[in-house]
Amino acid sequence: MKAEYDFSKGERGKFYNADAVFRTPIYLEKDVNEFIQHLANVKEKDVGELVNELLRHNIQLIQSIQ
């Protein structure tokens, strides 16, 4: 690393995007990933779509017992 960096020619906010949306990365453990991948293939669905369906179903179950 340098002792000092020259930012005199830098442009503030060059890469800032006010409309940017942060998506939370989800990392599944190997056994869960394999199961979800298999189920998605059987149902001919995208993994993300399937995971969202499963989570929505769980949300409904949790809300119904509260």
Protein backbone atom coordinates (compact mmCIF):
# COMPACT_ATOMS: atom_id res chain seq x y z
CA MET A 1 0.00 0.00 0.00
CA LYS A 2 1.17 3.50 -0.72
CA ALA A 3 1.68 5.94 2.12
CA GLU A 4 -0.56 8.46 0.32
CA TYR A 5 -3.03 8.40 -2.57
CA ASP A 6 -3.84 11.32 -4.87
CA PHE A 7 -7.59 11.83 -5.21
CA SER A 8 -7.32 15.34 -6.69
CA LYS A 9 -8.62 14.10 -10.06
CA GLY A 10 -11.32 11.92 -8.51
CA GLU A 11 -15.00 12.49 -9.23
CA ARG A 12 -17.31 12.35 -6.22
CA GLY A 13 -20.37 10.14 -6.75
CA LYS A 14 -19.22 8.81 -10.12
CA PHE A 15 -20.59 5.32 -9.42
CA TYR A 16 -23.43 6.31 -7.07
CA ASN A 17 -26.87 5.16 -8.16
CA ALA A 18 -29.79 6.39 -6.06
CA ASP A 19 -32.07 3.70 -7.55
CA ALA A 20 -29.75 0.80 -6.73
CA VAL A 21 -31.42 -2.04 -4.86
CA PHE A 22 -29.43 -4.21 -2.49
CA ARG A 23 -30.25 -7.91 -2.71
CA THR A 24 -29.28 -10.05 0.24
CA PRO A 25 -27.07 -12.92 -0.90
CA ILE A 26 -28.16 -16.25 0.55
CA TYR A 27 -25.66 -19.07 0.91
CA LEU A 28 -27.17 -22.51 1.36
CA GLU A 29 -25.40 -25.41 2.95
CA LYS A 30 -24.47 -28.24 0.59
CA ASP A 31 -27.27 -30.65 1.53
CA VAL A 32 -29.96 -27.94 1.34
CA ASN A 33 -28.61 -26.66 -1.97
CA GLU A 34 -28.62 -30.14 -3.49
CA PHE A 35 -32.19 -30.76 -2.35
CA ILE A 36 -33.45 -27.40 -3.66
CA GLN A 37 -31.57 -27.88 -6.94
CA HIS A 38 -33.11 -31.34 -7.38
CA LEU A 39 -36.60 -30.11 -6.53
CA ALA A 40 -36.26 -27.18 -8.93
CA ASN A 41 -35.21 -29.55 -11.72
CA VAL A 42 -38.15 -31.89 -11.03
CA LYS A 43 -40.61 -28.97 -11.01
CA GLU A 44 -38.83 -27.34 -13.97
CA LYS A 45 -38.52 -24.06 -12.08
CA ASP A 46 -35.74 -21.60 -11.41
CA VAL A 47 -34.05 -22.14 -8.03
CA GLY A 48 -34.73 -18.55 -6.95
CA GLU A 49 -38.40 -18.87 -7.87
CA LEU A 50 -38.72 -22.13 -5.94
CA VAL A 51 -36.96 -20.77 -2.84
CA ASN A 52 -39.23 -17.72 -2.85
CA GLU A 53 -42.32 -19.95 -3.08
CA LEU A 54 -41.12 -22.09 -0.18
CA LEU A 55 -40.32 -19.06 1.96
CA ARG A 56 -43.67 -17.41 1.17
CA HIS A 57 -45.43 -20.61 2.22
CA ASN A 58 -43.49 -20.64 5.49
CA ILE A 59 -44.34 -16.98 6.08
CA GLN A 60 -48.05 -17.78 5.64
CA LEU A 61 -47.79 -20.69 8.09
CA ILE A 62 -46.02 -18.56 10.68
CA GLN A 63 -48.52 -15.73 10.31
CA SER A 64 -51.47 -18.11 10.62
CA ILE A 65 -50.37 -19.32 14.05
CA GLN A 66 -49.52 -15.93 15.50
